[in-house]
Amino acid sequence: MSSSADQISTALSTRGSKVGFIGIGNMGDPMAGHLVKAGWTVQVYDVDRSKTERFVANHGGSAAASLEELGRNANVVITMLLDGHIVEQVLLGRGDQGDGVLKTLAPGSIIIDMSSSSPIGTRALGAKLAQRGMQFMDAPVSGGVKGAVAASLSVMTGGERALVERCDPLLAPIGRRFHVGSLGSGHAAKVLNNYVSAAGLAAAAEAVIIGHRFGIEPQVLT
C-alpha cells in the first residue's frame, strides 16, 4: 500500500479523513448528516445546489460548488446516486470533458459506492479506478428513508477485506455493516434482497386474490 493510502487509513481510524459525499437526496441527506454528527469532516455535492445549502444549514459541514472542488478537498468519496451509470459519469467525467471527481482526486484515495448499482458494472468500474490508483468498494444499503434517518440501515459491503475493515469506522454511524464478499458482492446482495422482497410481495398478492375467490375478505388475510 502506498504512503498516501497509509495516511488515509490512519485518518480513517482517527476521524481525520476528509469525506466527500455525492448525492444529497432523501437517503443521502440523513446518511451524510450522521457522518457530520459523528465528527467526520464532510463536504457534500449535488446537482441541485439548494439541497447542499439546506444540508449545511441543517447538519453543518460544507458544500462543494463542483465535482472538481469536492475531489480536490477529499481523500474518501462516497456516492449515493440513482444507478451505476451516473456513478461512473460522476467519477470519470462525461465523454472527453474530464470533469469528474477523478480530475482532482489524489491517487490512493478511497471511493465507496453506496448507490444501487449493477454488480457487473461495479467490477468493471473497479478495474478502471484501479488503473487510476484508486481504492474502491461497494456498500449499498437496505432500510429505506426511515432507516437512513434512524441510522439503522443494513450496509452490504463488497471489496477487499482489508479495505472494508479500514472503512468500517466511517460507515458505522450509518447502520449495521455486513461484509458479503469481493468487489460487486454488495450490489449483488442488494439485488437479491430486492428480488426476495418482490417475490414475497407477489406471493402475498396472489394469496389475497385466491382468498377473495373463496369469499375471504382481503383485510382478513392481511
Foldseek 3Di string as FASTA:
>chain_A
DDPLLVVQLVCLVVLNFEEEEEDQDLQSLLLVLLLVVVPHQYEYEYPPVVSRVVSCVVRNHYYDPFLCRSQQRGLEYEYADAEDVVVLCQAQNDDPPRRHSLVRHDASGEYEYQYLYALVSQVVVCVVVVVVRYHYKYWHWDDPSVLSNVLAIETEIAADPVVCVSNCSSSNSNHHYDDDYHHSVRSVVVVVVVVVVVVVVVVLVVVLVVVVVVVHHSVVSD
